[in-house]
Amino acid sequence: MLRISLATAISVFLTLSSCANTAKGMAKDAKETGQAMDSSTHTVLKAGASGNKAAQ
């Protein structure tokens, strides 16, 4: 009975830690994606404001 309980506890711990790592990674990716979109938007707007013919 102890082996089953221990195996279950380890299995639950590994599952929960994997979920936490996935959620943390997704939050980091979302933050970096937002920053990249913001940066590219500023670049495009700056190019359009400076009269760049390629941006018009």
C-alpha atoms as a PDB file:
ATOM      1  CA  MET A   1       0.000   0.000   0.000  1.00  0.00           C
ATOM      2  CA  LEU A   2       2.887   2.341   0.773  1.00  0.00           C
ATOM      3  CA  ARG A   3       4.370   1.837  -2.696  1.00  0.00           C
ATOM      4  CA  ILE A   4       1.087   2.721  -4.384  1.00  0.00           C
ATOM      5  CA  SER A   5       0.678   5.836  -2.248  1.00  0.00           C
ATOM      6  CA  LEU A   6       4.253   6.907  -2.896  1.00  0.00           C
ATOM      7  CA  ALA A   7       3.950   6.287  -6.639  1.00  0.00           C
ATOM      8  CA  THR A   8       0.701   8.246  -6.739  1.00  0.00           C
ATOM      9  CA  ALA A   9       2.198  11.144  -4.782  1.00  0.00           C
ATOM     10  CA  ILE A  10       5.237  11.312  -7.076  1.00  0.00           C
ATOM     11  CA  SER A  11       3.016  11.101 -10.147  1.00  0.00           C
ATOM     12  CA  VAL A  12       0.793  13.927  -8.898  1.00  0.00           C
ATOM     13  CA  PHE A  13       3.812  16.061  -8.003  1.00  0.00           C
ATOM     14  CA  LEU A  14       5.384  15.609 -11.436  1.00  0.00           C
ATOM     15  CA  THR A  15       2.102  16.386 -13.179  1.00  0.00           C
ATOM     16  CA  LEU A  16       1.532  19.555 -11.165  1.00  0.00           C
ATOM     17  CA  SER A  17       5.096  20.776 -11.628  1.00  0.00           C
ATOM     18  CA  SER A  18       4.831  20.184 -15.381  1.00  0.00           C
ATOM     19  CA  CYS A  19       1.620  22.198 -15.520  1.00  0.00           C
ATOM     20  CA  ALA A  20       3.216  25.022 -13.550  1.00  0.00           C
ATOM     21  CA  ASN A  21       6.214  25.107 -15.891  1.00  0.00           C
ATOM     22  CA  THR A  22       3.926  25.134 -18.927  1.00  0.00           C
ATOM     23  CA  ALA A  23       1.835  27.991 -17.536  1.00  0.00           C
ATOM     24  CA  LYS A  24       4.953  29.961 -16.654  1.00  0.00           C
ATOM     25  CA  GLY A  25       6.385  29.403 -20.139  1.00  0.00           C
ATOM     26  CA  MET A  26       3.145  30.448 -21.811  1.00  0.00           C
ATOM     27  CA  ALA A  27       3.006  33.636 -19.751  1.00  0.00           C
ATOM     28  CA  LYS A  28       6.606  34.439 -20.682  1.00  0.00           C
ATOM     29  CA  ASP A  29       5.911  33.779 -24.380  1.00  0.00           C
ATOM     30  CA  ALA A  30       2.810  35.972 -24.307  1.00  0.00           C
ATOM     31  CA  LYS A  31       4.752  38.806 -22.689  1.00  0.00           C
ATOM     32  CA  GLU A  32       7.579  38.555 -25.235  1.00  0.00           C
ATOM     33  CA  THR A  33       5.085  38.405 -28.115  1.00  0.00           C
ATOM     34  CA  GLY A  34       3.390  41.552 -26.863  1.00  0.00           C
ATOM     35  CA  GLN A  35       6.713  43.352 -26.612  1.00  0.00           C
ATOM     36  CA  ALA A  36       7.681  42.274 -30.135  1.00  0.00           C
ATOM     37  CA  MET A  37       4.341  43.456 -31.541  1.00  0.00           C
ATOM     38  CA  ASP A  38       4.706  46.789 -29.755  1.00  0.00           C
ATOM     39  CA  SER A  39       8.222  47.243 -31.095  1.00  0.00           C
ATOM     40  CA  SER A  40       7.254  46.385 -34.663  1.00  0.00           C
ATOM     41  CA  THR A  41       4.220  48.677 -34.507  1.00  0.00           C
ATOM     42  CA  HIS A  42       6.400  51.578 -33.405  1.00  0.00           C
ATOM     43  CA  THR A  43       8.858  50.820 -36.210  1.00  0.00           C
ATOM     44  CA  VAL A  44       6.109  50.816 -38.841  1.00  0.00           C
ATOM     45  CA  LEU A  45       4.521  53.999 -37.506  1.00  0.00           C
ATOM     46  CA  LYS A  46       7.897  55.709 -37.340  1.00  0.00           C
ATOM     47  CA  ALA A  47       8.647  54.728 -40.951  1.00  0.00           C
ATOM     48  CA  GLY A  48       5.265  56.033 -42.092  1.00  0.00           C
ATOM     49  CA  ALA A  49       5.646  59.289 -40.173  1.00  0.00           C
ATOM     50  CA  SER A  50       9.070  59.987 -41.642  1.00  0.00           C
ATOM     51  CA  GLY A  51       7.716  59.869 -45.191  1.00  0.00           C
ATOM     52  CA  ASN A  52       9.165  56.513 -46.141  1.00  0.00           C
ATOM     53  CA  LYS A  53       7.613  55.692 -49.529  1.00  0.00           C
ATOM     54  CA  ALA A  54       7.709  51.961 -48.825  1.00  0.00           C
ATOM     55  CA  ALA A  55       5.432  52.466 -45.822  1.00  0.00           C
ATOM     56  CA  GLN A  56       2.809  54.483 -47.727  1.00  0.00           C
END
